[in-house]
Amino acid sequence: MILVIGEALIDLIENRYQAGSFNAIVGGANANVSIALARRGTPQQFLARISGDGFGKIIREKLKSNNVGLDYVVDAKEQTTMVTVSIDSNGVPSYSFYVNGTADWGWTPQELPTDADLENLHATAIQFGCLTMAMGPGNLVIEDWAREHYKQKSVTISHDINMRPALGFERNHERLRVERINDISHIIKASDEDIHWLYDMADGEDVDKVVWKWIGDSARHVFITRGGDGVSVYRLAADGSRTRFDVASRKINVVDTVGAGDTFCANLLGQLSDVDALGTDPFDRLQNLSDDVIREFVWTAGIAASITCERAGAEPPTKADLDAVLATL
């Protein structure tokens, strides 16, 4: 069972054919991951702080209708977070955020599952990232909680960096924060754009040096998405030698890219769960997988993400949707 912790908010998405017209859509990177996991049939629970306001009710209904596990949702008194999303002619989104004092960031230690809770859930992985790990005060509460589980080697910890520079974060502070969380993660997913912004690099500049520094001498696995150019996978071989391989993407006509990275994460984790590669002693489980197995998982997760890109908004595919596309390739 995969426990996803993080934001569930409302995206006000601009109609690309009617300027100034917006549709209210349930979003948030971690909510998207939970929905994508549920649609592929992977056991999951979503741990979120959801408001009791009108938008919060819309969020709950969307999650419930997609069979997302809500047993550990916190009933928050604060208002729902909102994000306005504008889509350019290439389908690439830009964001404006309304986040001050909203429901998603108020985590307390008492709201997080105990060790006994995780054992009762048969939890094998914790997935987090994006705004939840950047916004205080709750981000540090979650970080401390995750660090204890990393030390215990009790579950796989997966971090999707998913930067949001539009919120005005200070670059050096964010870099140190991301590196700190990476140090307690077994799986890291980032886009090349995330790294370019974090390290003030030019577009197209090689990110390998940064990634290998994140890995160090650990069995940490890093997945760098490169848009239409596919995904680069970084891992250490059993003898400690460095391995990088690239997995191509499926060529499509992009409607928009909202939720694509979240879909990739969910389908990668779902496949790892299918082969019992998540859970106790996480590094050992990951290192026991061959390059060929990981390559296949990344290819399939990339196909799932491409299907999301063919749809308006974050609408991940079901397992049947994904299988239908895979059957044509």
Protein backbone atom coordinates (compact mmCIF):
# COMPACT_ATOMS: atom_id res chain seq x y z
CA MET A 1 0.00 0.00 0.00
CA ILE A 2 1.34 3.40 -1.00
CA LEU A 3 0.69 6.37 1.30
CA VAL A 4 0.61 9.69 -0.55
CA ILE A 5 0.81 12.82 1.59
CA GLY A 6 0.25 16.32 0.34
CA GLU A 7 -1.86 19.01 -1.18
CA ALA A 8 -5.34 18.71 -2.67
CA LEU A 9 -6.40 22.03 -4.11
CA ILE A 10 -8.46 23.71 -6.78
CA ASP A 11 -6.93 24.56 -10.13
CA LEU A 12 -8.76 27.37 -11.90
CA ILE A 13 -7.78 26.47 -15.46
CA GLU A 14 -8.14 29.08 -18.16
CA ASN A 15 -10.00 28.06 -21.29
CA ARG A 16 -7.29 28.32 -23.94
CA TYR A 17 -9.95 29.14 -26.54
CA GLN A 18 -11.77 31.75 -24.42
CA ALA A 19 -9.46 34.13 -22.57
CA GLY A 20 -10.65 35.06 -19.08
CA SER A 21 -12.87 31.98 -18.72
CA PHE A 22 -11.78 29.50 -16.02
CA ASN A 23 -12.94 26.02 -14.97
CA ALA A 24 -12.58 24.81 -11.37
CA ILE A 25 -10.75 21.47 -11.42
CA VAL A 26 -9.46 19.39 -8.52
CA GLY A 27 -5.67 19.45 -8.58
CA GLY A 28 -2.51 19.44 -6.52
CA ALA A 29 0.44 17.24 -7.39
CA ASN A 30 -0.12 14.76 -4.60
CA ALA A 31 -3.87 14.52 -5.17
CA ASN A 32 -3.07 13.80 -8.82
CA VAL A 33 -0.67 11.01 -7.80
CA SER A 34 -3.35 9.44 -5.59
CA ILE A 35 -5.93 9.52 -8.36
CA ALA A 36 -3.46 8.07 -10.86
CA LEU A 37 -2.59 5.24 -8.45
CA ALA A 38 -6.28 4.51 -7.81
CA ARG A 39 -7.09 4.50 -11.53
CA ARG A 40 -4.38 1.91 -12.20
CA GLY A 41 -5.70 -0.19 -9.31
CA THR A 42 -2.78 0.21 -6.91
CA PRO A 43 -3.69 0.08 -3.19
CA GLN A 44 -3.20 3.56 -1.75
CA GLN A 45 -4.26 6.01 0.92
CA PHE A 46 -4.19 9.79 0.53
CA LEU A 47 -3.24 11.80 3.59
CA ALA A 48 -4.37 15.39 3.06
CA ARG A 49 -5.74 18.34 4.99
CA ILE A 50 -9.01 19.14 3.21
CA SER A 51 -11.14 22.17 3.99
CA GLY A 52 -14.82 21.99 4.84
CA ASP A 53 -15.62 24.86 2.47
CA GLY A 54 -17.39 24.49 -0.88
CA PHE A 55 -14.21 23.78 -2.80
CA GLY A 56 -13.19 21.22 -0.18
CA LYS A 57 -16.44 19.35 -0.80
CA ILE A 58 -15.68 19.29 -4.53
CA ILE A 59 -12.21 17.88 -3.75
CA ARG A 60 -13.60 15.12 -1.54
CA GLU A 61 -16.18 14.13 -4.14
CA LYS A 62 -13.57 13.92 -6.90
CA LEU A 63 -11.30 11.77 -4.74
CA LYS A 64 -14.13 9.49 -3.60
CA SER A 65 -15.44 9.03 -7.14
CA ASN A 66 -11.97 7.82 -8.14
CA ASN A 67 -11.76 5.34 -5.25
CA VAL A 68 -8.94 7.20 -3.51
CA GLY A 69 -8.45 6.02 0.07
CA LEU A 70 -9.44 8.80 2.47
CA ASP A 71 -9.21 7.05 5.84
CA TYR A 72 -6.48 9.40 7.07
CA VAL A 73 -7.73 12.70 5.66
CA VAL A 74 -7.68 15.58 8.15
CA ASP A 75 -10.76 17.84 8.38
CA ALA A 76 -9.12 21.26 8.12
CA LYS A 77 -10.72 24.49 9.29
CA GLU A 78 -8.73 26.65 6.89
CA GLN A 79 -9.90 27.52 3.37
CA THR A 80 -8.98 25.58 0.24
CA THR A 81 -5.80 26.47 -1.63
CA MET A 82 -6.39 27.80 -5.16
CA VAL A 83 -4.15 27.98 -8.20
CA THR A 84 -4.90 29.70 -11.50
CA VAL A 85 -3.47 27.86 -14.49
CA SER A 86 -2.97 29.41 -17.91
CA ILE A 87 -1.99 27.18 -20.85
CA ASP A 88 0.20 28.51 -23.66
CA SER A 89 -0.02 27.55 -27.33
CA ASN A 90 2.29 24.55 -26.74
CA GLY A 91 0.15 23.19 -23.92
CA VAL A 92 2.63 24.28 -21.23
CA PRO A 93 1.00 25.60 -18.03
CA SER A 94 1.92 28.68 -15.99
CA TYR A 95 0.65 29.11 -12.45
CA SER A 96 -0.48 31.80 -9.99
CA PHE A 97 -1.01 30.73 -6.38
CA TYR A 98 -3.38 31.69 -3.55
CA VAL A 99 -1.82 29.85 -0.62
CA ASN A 100 -1.50 32.04 2.46
CA GLY A 101 -3.06 30.40 5.51
CA THR A 102 -4.86 27.73 3.49
CA ALA A 103 -5.61 24.15 4.52
CA ASP A 104 -2.71 22.26 2.97
CA TRP A 105 0.19 23.57 5.03
CA GLY A 106 -0.94 23.32 8.66
CA TRP A 107 0.33 19.85 9.54
CA THR A 108 0.97 18.92 13.17
CA PRO A 109 2.75 15.77 14.40
CA GLN A 110 -0.53 14.48 15.83
CA GLU A 111 -2.09 14.45 12.34
CA LEU A 112 0.49 12.05 10.89
CA PRO A 113 0.22 8.26 11.06
CA THR A 114 2.15 6.53 13.82
CA ASP A 115 4.45 3.58 13.27
CA ALA A 116 1.57 1.32 14.34
CA ASP A 117 -0.75 3.01 11.84
CA LEU A 118 1.70 2.35 9.00
CA GLU A 119 2.09 -1.25 10.09
CA ASN A 120 -1.68 -1.74 10.22
CA LEU A 121 -1.98 -0.20 6.75
CA HIS A 122 0.73 -2.52 5.42
CA ALA A 123 2.32 0.64 4.00
CA THR A 124 5.29 -0.01 1.73
CA ALA A 125 5.98 3.53 0.49
CA ILE A 126 5.51 7.21 1.26
CA GLN A 127 5.17 9.54 -1.72
CA PHE A 128 5.46 13.31 -1.24
CA GLY A 129 6.87 16.45 -2.78
CA CYS A 130 5.95 19.64 -4.63
CA LEU A 131 4.34 22.38 -2.52
CA THR A 132 3.70 20.17 0.50
CA MET A 133 7.43 19.90 1.14
CA ALA A 134 8.03 23.61 0.43
CA MET A 135 5.29 25.38 2.40
CA GLY A 136 5.55 26.02 6.12
CA PRO A 137 4.91 25.29 8.81
CA GLY A 138 3.76 21.78 7.88
CA ASN A 139 6.64 20.90 5.55
CA LEU A 140 9.15 20.59 8.40
CA VAL A 141 6.72 18.44 10.39
CA ILE A 142 6.42 16.00 7.48
CA GLU A 143 10.15 16.09 6.86
CA ASP A 144 10.93 15.13 10.46
CA TRP A 145 8.36 12.33 10.31
CA ALA A 146 9.77 10.96 7.05
CA ARG A 147 13.34 11.15 8.36
CA GLU A 148 12.47 8.76 11.18
CA HIS A 149 11.09 6.24 8.71
CA TYR A 150 14.18 6.61 6.54
CA LYS A 151 16.37 5.83 9.54
CA GLN A 152 14.21 2.80 10.38
CA LYS A 153 14.41 1.48 6.78
CA SER A 154 10.72 0.66 7.22
CA VAL A 155 9.26 2.02 3.95
CA THR A 156 10.39 3.34 0.59
CA ILE A 157 10.38 7.14 0.49
CA SER A 158 9.74 8.76 -2.89
CA HIS A 159 10.29 12.49 -3.47
CA ASP A 160 8.93 14.32 -6.51
CA ILE A 161 10.74 17.66 -6.46
CA ASN A 162 8.26 19.44 -8.76
CA MET A 163 9.43 23.06 -8.26
CA ARG A 164 7.04 26.03 -8.35
CA PRO A 165 9.25 29.14 -8.90
CA ALA A 166 6.15 31.26 -9.55
CA LEU A 167 5.56 31.36 -5.79
CA GLY A 168 8.66 33.52 -5.40
CA PHE A 169 10.77 31.05 -3.40
CA GLU A 170 14.40 32.03 -2.80
CA ARG A 171 16.58 29.80 -4.96
CA ASN A 172 19.37 28.98 -2.50
CA HIS A 173 16.92 28.20 0.30
CA GLU A 174 15.00 25.87 -2.00
CA ARG A 175 18.16 24.14 -3.18
CA LEU A 176 19.21 23.38 0.40
CA ARG A 177 15.68 22.20 1.26
CA VAL A 178 15.51 19.88 -1.75
CA GLU A 179 18.96 18.43 -1.05
CA ARG A 180 18.00 17.83 2.58
CA ILE A 181 14.85 15.92 1.56
CA ASN A 182 16.72 14.03 -1.15
CA ASP A 183 19.07 12.76 1.56
CA ILE A 184 16.14 10.96 3.23
CA SER A 185 14.63 9.64 -0.02
CA HIS A 186 15.18 6.37 -1.85
CA ILE A 187 13.53 7.46 -5.10
CA ILE A 188 13.80 10.97 -6.55
CA LYS A 189 11.94 12.30 -9.55
CA ALA A 190 12.67 15.73 -11.03
CA SER A 191 12.44 17.44 -14.39
CA ASP A 192 15.51 18.89 -16.06
CA GLU A 193 13.75 22.26 -15.70
CA ASP A 194 13.55 21.76 -11.93
CA ILE A 195 17.31 21.26 -11.76
CA HIS A 196 18.09 24.14 -14.09
CA TRP A 197 16.12 26.51 -11.86
CA LEU A 198 17.44 25.14 -8.55
CA TYR A 199 21.08 25.38 -9.60
CA ASP A 200 20.72 28.50 -11.78
CA MET A 201 21.82 26.61 -14.88
CA ALA A 202 21.25 27.51 -18.51
CA ASP A 203 18.52 25.68 -20.41
CA GLY A 204 19.99 22.57 -21.96
CA GLU A 205 22.95 22.46 -19.57
CA ASP A 206 23.94 18.94 -18.49
CA VAL A 207 22.37 17.95 -15.16
CA ASP A 208 24.39 14.75 -14.62
CA LYS A 209 26.83 16.28 -12.15
CA VAL A 210 23.97 17.43 -9.92
CA VAL A 211 22.22 14.06 -10.05
CA TRP A 212 25.34 12.06 -9.17
CA LYS A 213 25.93 14.37 -6.21
CA TRP A 214 22.38 13.58 -5.01
CA ILE A 215 23.10 9.86 -5.28
CA GLY A 216 26.58 9.89 -3.75
CA ASP A 217 27.56 6.34 -2.82
CA SER A 218 23.97 5.27 -2.05
CA ALA A 219 21.58 3.02 -3.99
CA ARG A 220 19.29 6.02 -4.47
CA HIS A 221 17.45 5.97 -7.83
CA VAL A 222 16.88 9.23 -9.70
CA PHE A 223 14.51 9.75 -12.62
CA ILE A 224 14.87 12.96 -14.66
CA THR A 225 12.01 13.77 -17.01
CA ARG A 226 12.93 15.72 -20.14
CA GLY A 227 9.56 16.44 -21.71
CA GLY A 228 9.38 15.15 -25.27
CA ASP A 229 12.94 13.82 -24.98
CA GLY A 230 11.96 11.10 -22.51
CA VAL A 231 13.41 10.15 -19.14
CA SER A 232 16.96 9.63 -17.88
CA VAL A 233 17.52 7.00 -15.18
CA TYR A 234 20.48 7.18 -12.79
CA ARG A 235 21.54 4.39 -10.43
CA LEU A 236 24.60 2.66 -9.06
CA ALA A 237 25.33 -0.89 -10.15
CA ALA A 238 25.95 -3.53 -7.48
CA ASP A 239 29.71 -2.97 -7.85
CA GLY A 240 29.26 0.76 -7.20
CA SER A 241 29.78 1.88 -10.80
CA ARG A 242 27.56 4.61 -12.20
CA THR A 243 24.80 3.72 -14.65
CA ARG A 244 22.72 6.13 -16.69
CA PHE A 245 20.31 5.12 -19.40
CA ASP A 246 17.70 7.07 -21.36
CA VAL A 247 14.18 5.98 -22.19
CA ALA A 248 12.48 7.61 -25.17
CA SER A 249 9.02 9.15 -24.98
CA ARG A 250 6.00 8.43 -27.16
CA LYS A 251 5.37 11.13 -29.75
CA ILE A 252 1.94 12.73 -29.34
CA ASN A 253 -0.04 15.88 -29.98
CA VAL A 254 0.05 17.66 -26.62
CA VAL A 255 -3.14 19.23 -25.29
CA ASP A 256 -1.47 20.25 -22.02
CA THR A 257 1.09 18.83 -19.61
CA VAL A 258 -0.85 19.35 -16.35
CA GLY A 259 -0.45 16.25 -14.19
CA ALA A 260 1.97 14.47 -16.52
CA GLY A 261 4.77 14.20 -13.96
CA ASP A 262 2.31 13.08 -11.29
CA THR A 263 1.02 10.35 -13.60
CA PHE A 264 4.58 9.23 -14.28
CA CYS A 265 5.34 8.97 -10.55
CA ALA A 266 2.16 7.02 -9.82
CA ASN A 267 2.68 4.52 -12.61
CA LEU A 268 6.35 4.03 -11.76
CA LEU A 269 5.53 3.40 -8.09
CA GLY A 270 2.59 1.20 -9.03
CA GLN A 271 4.80 -1.07 -11.10
CA LEU A 272 7.44 -1.21 -8.36
CA SER A 273 4.67 -2.19 -5.94
CA ASP A 274 3.48 -4.92 -8.32
CA VAL A 275 6.87 -6.68 -8.08
CA ASP A 276 7.33 -6.14 -4.33
CA ALA A 277 10.14 -3.63 -4.86
CA LEU A 278 8.78 -1.23 -2.21
CA GLY A 279 8.93 -1.70 1.55
CA THR A 280 11.48 -2.55 4.22
CA ASP A 281 15.19 -2.30 3.37
CA PRO A 282 14.30 -0.05 0.41
CA PHE A 283 17.75 0.29 -1.14
CA ASP A 284 18.22 -3.47 -1.31
CA ARG A 285 14.88 -3.93 -3.05
CA LEU A 286 15.66 -1.29 -5.67
CA GLN A 287 19.20 -2.47 -6.32
CA ASN A 288 17.96 -6.02 -6.91
CA LEU A 289 16.06 -4.83 -9.99
CA SER A 290 17.84 -5.11 -13.33
CA ASP A 291 18.32 -2.20 -15.70
CA ASP A 292 16.00 -3.93 -18.16
CA VAL A 293 13.16 -4.14 -15.62
CA ILE A 294 13.53 -0.49 -14.64
CA ARG A 295 13.73 0.52 -18.30
CA GLU A 296 10.41 -1.25 -18.97
CA PHE A 297 8.78 0.38 -15.94
CA VAL A 298 9.95 3.85 -17.01
CA TRP A 299 8.76 3.27 -20.59
CA THR A 300 5.30 2.26 -19.34
CA ALA A 301 5.10 5.14 -16.85
CA GLY A 302 6.06 7.50 -19.66
CA ILE A 303 3.26 6.14 -21.85
CA ALA A 304 0.80 6.77 -19.02
CA ALA A 305 2.09 10.34 -18.71
CA SER A 306 1.75 10.86 -22.46
CA ILE A 307 -1.92 9.85 -22.29
CA THR A 308 -2.46 12.52 -19.63
CA CYS A 309 -0.82 15.05 -21.98
CA GLU A 310 -3.38 14.19 -24.65
CA ARG A 311 -6.18 15.29 -22.30
CA ALA A 312 -7.17 18.66 -20.90
CA GLY A 313 -6.21 18.95 -17.23
CA ALA A 314 -4.81 16.29 -14.93
CA GLU A 315 -6.77 13.22 -16.07
CA PRO A 316 -4.55 10.15 -15.65
CA PRO A 317 -5.41 6.97 -17.52
CA THR A 318 -7.02 3.90 -16.02
CA LYS A 319 -5.20 0.59 -16.31
CA ALA A 320 -7.50 -0.31 -19.20
CA ASP A 321 -6.71 3.00 -20.96
CA LEU A 322 -3.00 2.37 -20.59
CA ASP A 323 -3.18 -1.25 -21.73
CA ALA A 324 -5.16 -0.21 -24.82
CA VAL A 325 -2.42 2.23 -25.88
CA LEU A 326 0.39 -0.20 -25.05
CA ALA A 327 -1.30 -2.81 -27.27
CA THR A 328 -0.90 -0.49 -30.26
CA LEU A 329 2.84 0.06 -29.82
